[in-house]
Amino acid sequence: MELFFSLNVSYEAFLPYYQGVAEKVQVRDQYARVLHINGKYFRPFLTSQGIQGKFKLVLNPDGSFKSLNKL
């Protein structure tokens, strides 16, 4: 399953997720479904500006995480 969403969060706002203090990032996909994604998956996309862009979340058939890609 592929889910698409946008994210725009500042560096400062993402720090608790990067540090492991907060765990789940809540986003809405293109169909307004609420997704809770472990913040550790966003770490490769963090810049000094934060995290901005469109993303594709791919889930395995059992609903577990497979990959997260920036589009």
N, C-alpha and C. Protein backbone atom coordinates (compact mmCIF):
# COMPACT_ATOMS: atom_id res chain seq x y z
N MET A 1 0.85 -1.18 0.00
CA MET A 1 0.00 0.00 0.00
C MET A 1 0.89 1.23 0.00
N GLU A 2 0.51 2.22 -0.80
CA GLU A 2 1.25 3.47 -0.87
C GLU A 2 0.35 4.61 -0.39
N LEU A 3 0.90 5.45 0.48
CA LEU A 3 0.19 6.59 1.03
C LEU A 3 1.02 7.84 0.75
N PHE A 4 0.37 8.91 0.33
CA PHE A 4 1.06 10.14 -0.03
C PHE A 4 0.62 11.27 0.88
N PHE A 5 1.59 12.10 1.30
CA PHE A 5 1.29 13.23 2.17
C PHE A 5 2.38 14.27 2.06
N SER A 6 2.07 15.48 2.53
CA SER A 6 3.04 16.57 2.59
C SER A 6 3.38 16.84 4.04
N LEU A 7 4.58 17.33 4.26
CA LEU A 7 5.02 17.68 5.61
C LEU A 7 5.83 18.96 5.56
N ASN A 8 5.55 19.86 6.48
CA ASN A 8 6.29 21.10 6.59
C ASN A 8 6.46 21.39 8.07
N VAL A 9 7.62 21.06 8.62
CA VAL A 9 7.88 21.23 10.04
C VAL A 9 9.27 21.85 10.22
N SER A 10 9.39 22.78 11.14
CA SER A 10 10.67 23.45 11.36
C SER A 10 11.66 22.51 12.05
N TYR A 11 12.92 22.88 11.98
CA TYR A 11 13.98 22.11 12.65
C TYR A 11 13.70 22.01 14.15
N GLU A 12 13.35 23.13 14.75
CA GLU A 12 13.11 23.16 16.20
C GLU A 12 11.92 22.29 16.59
N ALA A 13 10.86 22.32 15.78
CA ALA A 13 9.67 21.52 16.08
C ALA A 13 9.94 20.03 15.93
N PHE A 14 10.89 19.66 15.07
CA PHE A 14 11.18 18.24 14.86
C PHE A 14 12.19 17.68 15.86
N LEU A 15 12.91 18.53 16.56
CA LEU A 15 13.96 18.05 17.48
C LEU A 15 13.49 16.98 18.47
N PRO A 16 12.33 17.10 19.10
CA PRO A 16 11.91 16.03 20.03
C PRO A 16 11.81 14.66 19.35
N TYR A 17 11.43 14.64 18.08
CA TYR A 17 11.35 13.36 17.36
C TYR A 17 12.74 12.85 17.02
N TYR A 18 13.61 13.77 16.64
CA TYR A 18 14.98 13.40 16.30
C TYR A 18 15.70 12.84 17.52
N GLN A 19 15.45 13.44 18.67
CA GLN A 19 16.11 13.02 19.91
C GLN A 19 15.45 11.80 20.55
N GLY A 20 14.31 11.38 20.04
CA GLY A 20 13.63 10.22 20.60
C GLY A 20 12.72 10.55 21.78
N VAL A 21 12.57 11.82 22.10
CA VAL A 21 11.69 12.23 23.20
C VAL A 21 10.23 12.02 22.80
N ALA A 22 9.90 12.39 21.57
CA ALA A 22 8.57 12.15 21.00
C ALA A 22 8.73 11.04 19.97
N GLU A 23 7.66 10.27 19.77
CA GLU A 23 7.81 9.10 18.90
C GLU A 23 7.05 9.21 17.59
N LYS A 24 5.77 9.45 17.63
CA LYS A 24 4.93 9.38 16.43
C LYS A 24 4.64 10.77 15.84
N VAL A 25 4.90 10.90 14.56
CA VAL A 25 4.56 12.11 13.81
C VAL A 25 3.17 11.88 13.22
N GLN A 26 2.27 12.82 13.44
CA GLN A 26 0.92 12.70 12.91
C GLN A 26 0.78 13.55 11.66
N VAL A 27 0.36 12.92 10.56
CA VAL A 27 0.15 13.62 9.30
C VAL A 27 -1.19 13.16 8.72
N ARG A 28 -1.67 13.91 7.73
CA ARG A 28 -2.87 13.52 6.99
C ARG A 28 -2.45 13.21 5.56
N ASP A 29 -2.92 12.06 5.06
CA ASP A 29 -2.58 11.70 3.69
C ASP A 29 -3.49 12.44 2.70
N GLN A 30 -3.32 12.15 1.44
CA GLN A 30 -4.05 12.86 0.39
C GLN A 30 -5.56 12.68 0.48
N TYR A 31 -6.02 11.66 1.22
CA TYR A 31 -7.46 11.42 1.39
C TYR A 31 -7.94 11.83 2.78
N ALA A 32 -7.12 12.62 3.48
CA ALA A 32 -7.42 13.14 4.82
C ALA A 32 -7.42 12.08 5.91
N ARG A 33 -6.85 10.91 5.64
CA ARG A 33 -6.70 9.89 6.67
C ARG A 33 -5.55 10.29 7.58
N VAL A 34 -5.71 10.09 8.87
CA VAL A 34 -4.67 10.42 9.84
C VAL A 34 -3.69 9.25 9.92
N LEU A 35 -2.40 9.56 9.75
CA LEU A 35 -1.33 8.56 9.84
C LEU A 35 -0.44 8.91 11.02
N HIS A 36 0.02 7.90 11.74
CA HIS A 36 0.98 8.08 12.83
C HIS A 36 2.24 7.31 12.42
N ILE A 37 3.31 8.06 12.15
CA ILE A 37 4.55 7.48 11.62
C ILE A 37 5.66 7.73 12.61
N ASN A 38 6.43 6.69 12.90
CA ASN A 38 7.55 6.83 13.82
C ASN A 38 8.51 7.90 13.31
N GLY A 39 8.85 8.85 14.17
CA GLY A 39 9.72 9.96 13.81
C GLY A 39 11.09 9.55 13.30
N LYS A 40 11.56 8.38 13.70
CA LYS A 40 12.90 7.94 13.27
C LYS A 40 13.00 7.80 11.76
N TYR A 41 11.88 7.54 11.09
CA TYR A 41 11.91 7.38 9.64
C TYR A 41 12.12 8.69 8.90
N PHE A 42 11.90 9.81 9.58
CA PHE A 42 12.08 11.12 8.96
C PHE A 42 13.49 11.68 9.15
N ARG A 43 14.29 11.08 9.99
CA ARG A 43 15.64 11.61 10.28
C ARG A 43 16.48 11.87 9.04
N PRO A 44 16.47 10.99 8.02
CA PRO A 44 17.30 11.26 6.84
C PRO A 44 16.89 12.52 6.07
N PHE A 45 15.68 13.01 6.30
CA PHE A 45 15.18 14.15 5.55
C PHE A 45 15.31 15.47 6.30
N LEU A 46 15.85 15.44 7.51
CA LEU A 46 15.98 16.65 8.32
C LEU A 46 17.15 17.50 7.85
N THR A 47 16.86 18.78 7.61
CA THR A 47 17.90 19.75 7.25
C THR A 47 17.85 20.88 8.27
N SER A 48 18.71 21.85 8.13
CA SER A 48 18.70 22.99 9.04
C SER A 48 17.40 23.80 8.92
N GLN A 49 16.69 23.61 7.82
CA GLN A 49 15.39 24.27 7.61
C GLN A 49 14.24 23.45 8.18
N GLY A 50 14.51 22.23 8.57
CA GLY A 50 13.46 21.33 9.06
C GLY A 50 13.18 20.25 8.04
N ILE A 51 11.92 19.86 7.92
CA ILE A 51 11.50 18.86 6.94
C ILE A 51 10.35 19.45 6.14
N GLN A 52 10.57 19.58 4.84
CA GLN A 52 9.55 20.09 3.95
C GLN A 52 9.49 19.21 2.72
N GLY A 53 8.28 18.98 2.23
CA GLY A 53 8.14 18.27 0.98
C GLY A 53 6.99 17.30 0.96
N LYS A 54 6.91 16.60 -0.17
CA LYS A 54 5.91 15.57 -0.36
C LYS A 54 6.58 14.22 -0.19
N PHE A 55 5.85 13.29 0.43
CA PHE A 55 6.41 11.99 0.77
C PHE A 55 5.50 10.85 0.34
N LYS A 56 6.12 9.70 0.14
CA LYS A 56 5.38 8.47 -0.14
C LYS A 56 5.76 7.45 0.93
N LEU A 57 4.77 6.99 1.67
CA LEU A 57 4.95 5.95 2.67
C LEU A 57 4.47 4.64 2.06
N VAL A 58 5.32 3.62 2.09
CA VAL A 58 4.96 2.31 1.56
C VAL A 58 4.87 1.34 2.73
N LEU A 59 3.75 0.62 2.78
CA LEU A 59 3.52 -0.36 3.84
C LEU A 59 3.54 -1.77 3.25
N ASN A 60 3.99 -2.72 4.05
CA ASN A 60 3.93 -4.13 3.69
C ASN A 60 2.47 -4.58 3.73
N PRO A 61 2.15 -5.75 3.13
CA PRO A 61 0.77 -6.23 3.15
C PRO A 61 0.17 -6.36 4.56
N ASP A 62 1.01 -6.57 5.57
CA ASP A 62 0.50 -6.68 6.94
C ASP A 62 0.35 -5.32 7.63
N GLY A 63 0.62 -4.24 6.89
CA GLY A 63 0.48 -2.89 7.44
C GLY A 63 1.72 -2.35 8.11
N SER A 64 2.79 -3.11 8.15
CA SER A 64 4.03 -2.64 8.77
C SER A 64 4.82 -1.76 7.79
N PHE A 65 5.72 -0.96 8.34
CA PHE A 65 6.54 -0.04 7.57
C PHE A 65 7.42 -0.78 6.57
N LYS A 66 7.46 -0.27 5.34
CA LYS A 66 8.39 -0.78 4.34
C LYS A 66 9.39 0.30 3.95
N SER A 67 8.90 1.50 3.56
CA SER A 67 9.82 2.56 3.18
C SER A 67 9.12 3.92 3.23
N LEU A 68 9.95 4.96 3.30
CA LEU A 68 9.48 6.33 3.25
C LEU A 68 10.41 7.07 2.28
N ASN A 69 9.82 7.67 1.26
CA ASN A 69 10.60 8.37 0.25
C ASN A 69 10.10 9.77 0.05
N LYS A 70 11.04 10.69 -0.14
CA LYS A 70 10.68 12.07 -0.47
C LYS A 70 10.52 12.15 -1.98
N LEU A 71 9.44 12.78 -2.41
CA LEU A 71 9.16 12.88 -3.85
C LEU A 71 9.71 14.16 -4.44
